[in-house]
Amino acid sequence: MPRVRELEVFRVVLPYGRRPESILVRLIDYGGMTGWGEVVDPDPKTWALLEEGLGQALIGVDWEHPDELGVVPGGSAADMACWDLWTRMRGVPLSHALGGSRTSLTATVRVGTERDLESLVARVNRHVCAGYSHITIDVYPGWDIEPLRAVRQAYPALGIGVDARGAYTDIAALEALDAYTLTSIERPFTNLTDHADLQERVAAPVLLEVSSVAELDEAITVKAGRALLLRPAALGSLREVRRAHDRAVAAGWEIACAGGQGTGLARAATVAAASLPGCGLPCDVAEPPRSAQMVIPPVGASGGVVAVPLTQPGLGHTVDVARVRRLAKDSYAI
């Protein structure tokens, strides 16, 4: 039975790109076992919620399973740490504890806007040469048909998805993309009605992101798509991740897992979720660079494939605690 003896919380500045932040939670039980969790780009209120409520919710409290704890203060980082601690104590991988059955995952790599089509094709070529069999191209009005045509002509057998990031208002513009044999059209609009109208017109699954199971239920009811973009951090707990997975599978929807750049911990949780049987679409855990991660081994794709850790318990990775402390701009312990 887990019983947390002490905890630490770190606010870490990540050494890449625009230097985003992560909050890491470390739980230590009375036997010395440790569990870690992470939230990337946290809500400004998250730190205060952790300071005010996490110790009271967990220190000295007996529990048999993470689901018993309900909503843990601080959201996904604390919930992940509880699951990591619980699975490490039982000597089982997190993926198996969630019900996962996959041993490896096909990865997608995101390709942003380039200055011209030649540069785009050259970038795609680098990823194909690295072993990727699927890419996701960012599109928006004015940068969609021509990029897709150029990449499809260069790579007729390549799996291609597009991410519109809610940039469209014209259904006809997206309907034209369907001619390029897409695996999915991700987040095209900002409302369910347009998503449903588009899904009636295209063969590719419209891929929706949701922040709750209730939101997913609504999308399924109005037939707003045929695929779920499952981001563990957006749902707040791994319990809700499993519920969303089960709802999508029951509705006949496909699932793609994504998210969790950060230090590698959140990405490891995404990999565990992506091992669930309904998650058949390529997963997105390819960025940021491995050198920016604080877990050993780093989380990411090799030859376009992500291995699901099965020989180590919990998240399956060791945290470089010294590096976490060095990069933390704030921390506290209870």
Protein backbone atom coordinates (compact mmCIF):
# COMPACT_ATOMS: atom_id res chain seq x y z
CA MET A 1 0.00 0.00 0.00
CA PRO A 2 1.57 3.35 -1.05
CA ARG A 3 2.02 5.93 1.68
CA VAL A 4 3.85 9.12 0.73
CA ARG A 5 6.46 10.20 3.27
CA GLU A 6 7.70 13.31 1.50
CA LEU A 7 7.36 15.17 -1.76
CA GLU A 8 9.25 17.71 -3.85
CA VAL A 9 7.97 20.04 -6.52
CA PHE A 10 10.22 21.73 -9.11
CA ARG A 11 9.58 24.52 -11.60
CA VAL A 12 12.05 23.82 -14.42
CA VAL A 13 13.07 26.01 -17.37
CA LEU A 14 13.71 23.78 -20.38
CA PRO A 15 16.90 24.40 -22.40
CA TYR A 16 15.51 24.62 -25.93
CA GLY A 17 13.32 26.74 -28.20
CA ARG A 18 11.45 29.50 -26.43
CA ARG A 19 12.59 27.99 -23.08
CA PRO A 20 9.23 26.62 -21.95
CA GLU A 21 8.57 25.57 -18.38
CA SER A 22 7.60 22.30 -16.75
CA ILE A 23 6.48 21.51 -13.22
CA LEU A 24 7.81 18.21 -11.88
CA VAL A 25 6.39 16.36 -8.87
CA ARG A 26 8.47 13.80 -6.98
CA LEU A 27 6.81 11.51 -4.42
CA ILE A 28 8.77 9.33 -1.97
CA ASP A 29 7.04 6.61 0.04
CA TYR A 30 8.09 5.21 3.42
CA GLY A 31 10.04 2.41 1.74
CA GLY A 32 12.11 4.85 -0.31
CA MET A 33 10.33 4.17 -3.61
CA THR A 34 9.99 7.23 -5.85
CA GLY A 35 7.34 8.32 -8.36
CA TRP A 36 7.62 11.25 -10.79
CA GLY A 37 5.12 13.33 -12.73
CA GLU A 38 5.26 16.34 -15.06
CA VAL A 39 3.03 18.99 -16.55
CA VAL A 40 4.38 20.96 -19.53
CA ASP A 41 3.53 24.66 -19.98
CA PRO A 42 1.41 24.62 -16.82
CA ASP A 43 -1.51 26.88 -16.06
CA PRO A 44 -0.34 29.82 -13.89
CA LYS A 45 -2.51 28.52 -11.04
CA THR A 46 -0.92 25.06 -10.96
CA TRP A 47 2.03 25.98 -8.73
CA ALA A 48 -0.24 27.56 -6.11
CA LEU A 49 -2.59 24.57 -6.17
CA LEU A 50 0.32 22.22 -5.55
CA GLU A 51 1.69 24.36 -2.72
CA GLU A 52 -1.69 24.67 -1.03
CA GLY A 53 -3.11 21.18 -1.41
CA LEU A 54 -0.76 18.41 -2.52
CA GLY A 55 0.90 17.75 0.81
CA GLN A 56 -2.42 17.58 2.64
CA ALA A 57 -3.86 15.25 0.00
CA LEU A 58 -0.96 12.77 -0.05
CA ILE A 59 1.43 12.95 2.92
CA GLY A 60 0.73 10.04 5.27
CA VAL A 61 -2.42 9.00 3.40
CA ASP A 62 -2.93 5.27 2.71
CA TRP A 63 -4.35 4.28 -0.67
CA GLU A 64 -4.56 1.06 -2.68
CA HIS A 65 -4.86 2.47 -6.22
CA PRO A 66 -4.41 5.94 -7.82
CA ASP A 67 -8.07 5.97 -8.84
CA GLU A 68 -9.02 6.10 -5.15
CA LEU A 69 -7.44 9.55 -4.80
CA GLY A 70 -9.96 11.25 -7.08
CA VAL A 71 -8.88 14.68 -8.31
CA VAL A 72 -5.38 15.27 -6.92
CA PRO A 73 -4.37 18.93 -6.40
CA GLY A 74 -2.09 20.06 -9.20
CA GLY A 75 -3.68 17.95 -11.92
CA SER A 76 -1.81 15.70 -14.32
CA ALA A 77 1.69 16.04 -12.79
CA ALA A 78 0.60 14.80 -9.36
CA ASP A 79 -1.66 12.13 -10.87
CA MET A 80 1.20 10.85 -13.04
CA ALA A 81 3.53 10.73 -10.03
CA CYS A 82 0.97 8.65 -8.12
CA TRP A 83 0.67 6.18 -11.00
CA ASP A 84 4.45 6.01 -11.39
CA LEU A 85 4.92 5.32 -7.67
CA TRP A 86 2.12 2.73 -7.59
CA THR A 87 3.38 0.80 -10.64
CA ARG A 88 7.01 0.89 -9.46
CA MET A 89 5.97 -0.56 -6.12
CA ARG A 90 4.24 -3.42 -7.94
CA GLY A 91 7.04 -3.92 -10.43
CA VAL A 92 4.85 -3.45 -13.51
CA PRO A 93 5.18 -1.07 -16.48
CA LEU A 94 2.72 1.82 -16.54
CA SER A 95 1.56 0.74 -20.01
CA HIS A 96 0.43 -2.65 -18.67
CA ALA A 97 -1.25 -1.08 -15.63
CA LEU A 98 -3.34 1.10 -17.96
CA GLY A 99 -4.31 -1.89 -20.12
CA GLY A 100 -1.83 -1.33 -22.94
CA SER A 101 -0.84 -4.19 -25.22
CA ARG A 102 1.44 -2.63 -27.83
CA THR A 103 5.19 -3.15 -27.64
CA SER A 104 6.09 -0.46 -30.17
CA LEU A 105 4.44 2.54 -31.79
CA THR A 106 4.59 4.15 -35.20
CA ALA A 107 5.69 7.76 -34.77
CA THR A 108 4.76 10.82 -36.74
CA VAL A 109 6.96 13.88 -37.02
CA ARG A 110 5.50 17.36 -37.44
CA VAL A 111 6.59 19.53 -40.33
CA GLY A 112 5.89 23.25 -39.99
CA THR A 113 5.71 25.96 -42.60
CA GLU A 114 8.74 26.31 -44.86
CA ARG A 115 9.81 29.26 -46.98
CA ASP A 116 9.15 27.37 -50.24
CA LEU A 117 8.06 23.97 -51.55
CA GLU A 118 11.62 22.85 -52.30
CA SER A 119 12.62 23.42 -48.67
CA LEU A 120 9.52 21.52 -47.50
CA VAL A 121 10.28 18.49 -49.64
CA ALA A 122 13.92 18.54 -48.53
CA ARG A 123 12.86 18.57 -44.89
CA VAL A 124 10.43 15.71 -45.44
CA ASN A 125 13.22 13.81 -47.18
CA ARG A 126 15.41 14.10 -44.07
CA HIS A 127 12.67 12.56 -41.95
CA VAL A 128 12.01 9.78 -44.46
CA CYS A 129 15.73 8.99 -44.58
CA ALA A 130 15.68 8.84 -40.75
CA GLY A 131 13.08 6.07 -40.96
CA TYR A 132 9.77 7.90 -40.52
CA SER A 133 6.88 6.41 -42.49
CA HIS A 134 4.42 9.13 -41.43
CA ILE A 135 4.55 12.92 -41.23
CA THR A 136 2.07 15.56 -40.09
CA ILE A 137 2.12 18.80 -42.08
CA ASP A 138 0.93 22.07 -40.57
CA VAL A 139 -1.53 23.72 -42.98
CA TYR A 140 -3.49 26.96 -43.10
CA PRO A 141 -5.39 28.85 -45.82
CA GLY A 142 -2.85 29.62 -48.54
CA TRP A 143 -0.42 26.87 -47.46
CA ASP A 144 -2.21 23.59 -48.02
CA ILE A 145 -2.91 22.24 -51.51
CA GLU A 146 0.51 22.99 -53.04
CA PRO A 147 2.55 21.64 -50.12
CA LEU A 148 0.49 18.44 -50.06
CA ARG A 149 0.76 18.01 -53.80
CA ALA A 150 4.55 18.48 -53.70
CA VAL A 151 5.07 16.00 -50.86
CA ARG A 152 2.65 13.42 -52.27
CA GLN A 153 4.33 13.56 -55.70
CA ALA A 154 7.74 13.07 -54.09
CA TYR A 155 6.57 10.29 -51.74
CA PRO A 156 3.52 8.44 -53.10
CA ALA A 157 3.51 5.81 -50.31
CA LEU A 158 4.24 8.10 -47.36
CA GLY A 159 1.61 8.36 -44.62
CA ILE A 160 0.53 12.01 -44.40
CA GLY A 161 -1.72 13.79 -41.92
CA VAL A 162 -2.43 17.52 -41.73
CA ASP A 163 -2.88 19.75 -38.69
CA ALA A 164 -4.97 22.87 -39.31
CA ARG A 165 -4.90 24.16 -35.69
CA GLY A 166 -8.40 25.62 -36.06
CA ALA A 167 -7.31 27.99 -38.84
CA TYR A 168 -10.13 27.31 -41.32
CA THR A 169 -13.63 28.65 -41.83
CA ASP A 170 -14.18 27.30 -45.38
CA ILE A 171 -15.16 23.63 -45.54
CA ALA A 172 -14.56 23.48 -49.31
CA ALA A 173 -10.89 24.40 -48.87
CA LEU A 174 -10.36 21.41 -46.59
CA GLU A 175 -12.51 19.12 -48.69
CA ALA A 176 -10.00 19.59 -51.52
CA LEU A 177 -7.22 18.15 -49.35
CA ASP A 178 -8.95 14.78 -49.27
CA ALA A 179 -7.65 14.00 -52.76
CA TYR A 180 -4.17 13.43 -51.31
CA THR A 181 -5.01 10.26 -49.33
CA LEU A 182 -4.61 11.65 -45.84
CA THR A 183 -4.52 9.58 -42.67
CA SER A 184 -6.29 12.39 -40.79
CA ILE A 185 -7.34 16.05 -40.87
CA GLU A 186 -6.49 17.38 -37.44
CA ARG A 187 -8.29 20.22 -35.64
CA PRO A 188 -9.60 22.00 -38.75
CA PHE A 189 -12.22 24.24 -37.09
CA THR A 190 -13.11 25.72 -33.73
CA ASN A 191 -16.66 24.30 -33.55
CA LEU A 192 -18.23 20.85 -33.75
CA THR A 193 -20.81 21.74 -36.39
CA ASP A 194 -18.20 22.47 -39.06
CA HIS A 195 -16.27 19.38 -38.05
CA ALA A 196 -19.38 17.25 -38.57
CA ASP A 197 -20.09 18.86 -41.95
CA LEU A 198 -16.52 18.22 -43.09
CA GLN A 199 -16.54 14.61 -41.92
CA GLU A 200 -19.59 13.95 -44.10
CA ARG A 201 -17.67 15.14 -47.14
CA VAL A 202 -14.23 13.56 -46.75
CA ALA A 203 -12.87 10.03 -46.51
CA ALA A 204 -10.04 10.95 -44.13
CA PRO A 205 -10.92 10.84 -40.43
CA VAL A 206 -11.41 14.27 -38.89
CA LEU A 207 -9.19 14.22 -35.79
CA LEU A 208 -10.55 16.10 -32.77
CA GLU A 209 -8.84 17.14 -29.56
CA VAL A 210 -10.96 17.29 -26.39
CA SER A 211 -10.37 18.37 -22.81
CA SER A 212 -12.90 16.07 -21.13
CA VAL A 213 -14.83 12.85 -21.63
CA ALA A 214 -18.06 14.88 -21.69
CA GLU A 215 -16.70 16.92 -24.60
CA LEU A 216 -15.80 13.70 -26.41
CA ASP A 217 -19.30 12.33 -25.83
CA GLU A 218 -20.77 15.44 -27.40
CA ALA A 219 -18.48 15.15 -30.42
CA ILE A 220 -19.42 11.50 -30.88
CA THR A 221 -23.13 12.32 -30.61
CA VAL A 222 -23.02 14.94 -33.37
CA LYS A 223 -20.60 12.83 -35.49
CA ALA A 224 -18.01 15.60 -35.49
CA GLY A 225 -15.22 13.26 -36.55
CA ARG A 226 -13.95 9.71 -36.65
CA ALA A 227 -10.71 10.05 -34.66
CA LEU A 228 -9.61 11.31 -31.25
CA LEU A 229 -6.40 13.21 -30.56
CA LEU A 230 -5.66 11.92 -27.07
CA ARG A 231 -3.43 14.21 -24.99
CA PRO A 232 -3.01 12.80 -21.47
CA ALA A 233 -2.20 16.20 -19.95
CA ALA A 234 -5.39 17.75 -21.37
CA LEU A 235 -7.59 15.23 -19.55
CA GLY A 236 -6.01 15.79 -16.14
CA SER A 237 -5.60 12.16 -15.05
CA LEU A 238 -4.70 8.78 -16.48
CA ARG A 239 -8.07 7.50 -15.26
CA GLU A 240 -9.77 9.95 -17.63
CA VAL A 241 -7.36 8.97 -20.42
CA ARG A 242 -8.57 5.38 -20.16
CA ARG A 243 -12.21 6.49 -20.08
CA ALA A 244 -11.74 8.62 -23.21
CA HIS A 245 -9.97 5.75 -24.95
CA ASP A 246 -12.78 3.35 -24.12
CA ARG A 247 -15.48 5.81 -25.27
CA ALA A 248 -13.70 6.39 -28.59
CA VAL A 249 -13.20 2.68 -29.21
CA ALA A 250 -16.86 1.96 -28.43
CA ALA A 251 -17.86 4.61 -30.99
CA GLY A 252 -15.60 3.09 -33.65
CA TRP A 253 -13.21 6.05 -33.63
CA GLU A 254 -9.49 5.82 -34.30
CA ILE A 255 -7.08 7.31 -31.75
CA ALA A 256 -3.78 9.19 -32.01
CA CYS A 257 -1.77 10.02 -28.87
CA ALA A 258 0.23 13.23 -28.67
CA GLY A 259 1.85 15.68 -26.32
CA GLY A 260 4.27 15.87 -23.48
CA GLN A 261 7.40 17.50 -24.83
CA GLY A 262 9.01 18.77 -21.64
CA THR A 263 11.70 16.85 -19.77
CA GLY A 264 10.63 13.44 -21.10
CA LEU A 265 8.41 12.37 -18.20
CA ALA A 266 5.15 13.59 -19.74
CA ARG A 267 6.23 12.07 -23.05
CA ALA A 268 6.78 8.73 -21.31
CA ALA A 269 3.20 8.87 -20.02
CA THR A 270 2.01 9.60 -23.57
CA VAL A 271 3.87 6.51 -24.81
CA ALA A 272 2.21 4.40 -22.10
CA ALA A 273 -1.23 5.73 -23.12
CA ALA A 274 -0.45 5.12 -26.80
CA SER A 275 0.10 1.43 -26.03
CA LEU A 276 -3.64 1.06 -25.37
CA PRO A 277 -5.25 -1.20 -28.00
CA GLY A 278 -7.37 1.50 -29.66
CA CYS A 279 -4.46 3.87 -30.34
CA GLY A 280 -3.69 2.80 -33.89
CA LEU A 281 -2.85 6.14 -35.52
CA PRO A 282 0.80 7.32 -35.44
CA CYS A 283 1.75 8.95 -32.13
CA ASP A 284 3.42 12.34 -31.74
CA VAL A 285 6.36 12.19 -29.30
CA ALA A 286 9.15 13.12 -31.72
CA GLU A 287 10.09 16.54 -30.31
CA PRO A 288 12.01 18.23 -28.64
CA PRO A 289 15.61 17.06 -29.09
CA ARG A 290 16.76 14.17 -26.92
CA SER A 291 19.57 16.31 -25.51
CA ALA A 292 16.97 18.48 -23.77
CA GLN A 293 15.45 15.57 -21.84
CA MET A 294 16.10 14.74 -18.20
CA VAL A 295 15.20 11.06 -18.32
CA ILE A 296 17.40 8.06 -19.07
CA PRO A 297 16.97 6.63 -21.64
CA PRO A 298 15.46 9.56 -23.59
CA VAL A 299 11.93 9.19 -24.93
CA GLY A 300 11.59 9.34 -28.69
CA ALA A 301 11.58 7.53 -32.00
CA SER A 302 14.32 5.48 -33.57
CA GLY A 303 13.82 4.73 -37.23
CA GLY A 304 10.31 6.13 -36.99
CA VAL A 305 9.34 3.69 -34.23
CA VAL A 306 8.88 4.33 -30.48
CA ALA A 307 9.59 1.43 -28.14
CA VAL A 308 7.19 0.94 -25.22
CA PRO A 309 9.24 0.31 -22.03
CA LEU A 310 8.36 -3.18 -20.84
CA THR A 311 11.41 -4.29 -18.82
CA GLN A 312 11.28 -1.50 -16.23
CA PRO A 313 8.39 -0.68 -13.87
CA GLY A 314 6.49 2.59 -13.81
CA LEU A 315 7.19 5.09 -16.55
CA GLY A 316 10.24 3.02 -17.48
CA HIS A 317 12.80 5.83 -17.26
CA THR A 318 15.25 7.12 -14.66
CA VAL A 319 15.20 10.83 -13.84
CA ASP A 320 18.46 12.81 -13.82
CA VAL A 321 17.73 14.41 -10.44
CA ALA A 322 20.95 16.46 -10.40
CA ARG A 323 20.02 18.09 -13.71
CA VAL A 324 16.47 18.77 -12.52
CA ARG A 325 17.84 20.57 -9.46
CA ARG A 326 20.32 22.50 -11.57
CA LEU A 327 17.68 23.77 -14.02
CA ALA A 328 14.94 24.41 -11.44
CA LYS A 329 14.18 28.09 -10.97
CA ASP A 330 11.94 27.33 -8.00
CA SER A 331 11.26 24.32 -5.77
CA TYR A 332 9.89 23.28 -2.40
CA ALA A 333 9.75 20.11 -0.34
CA ILE A 334 7.38 18.76 2.31
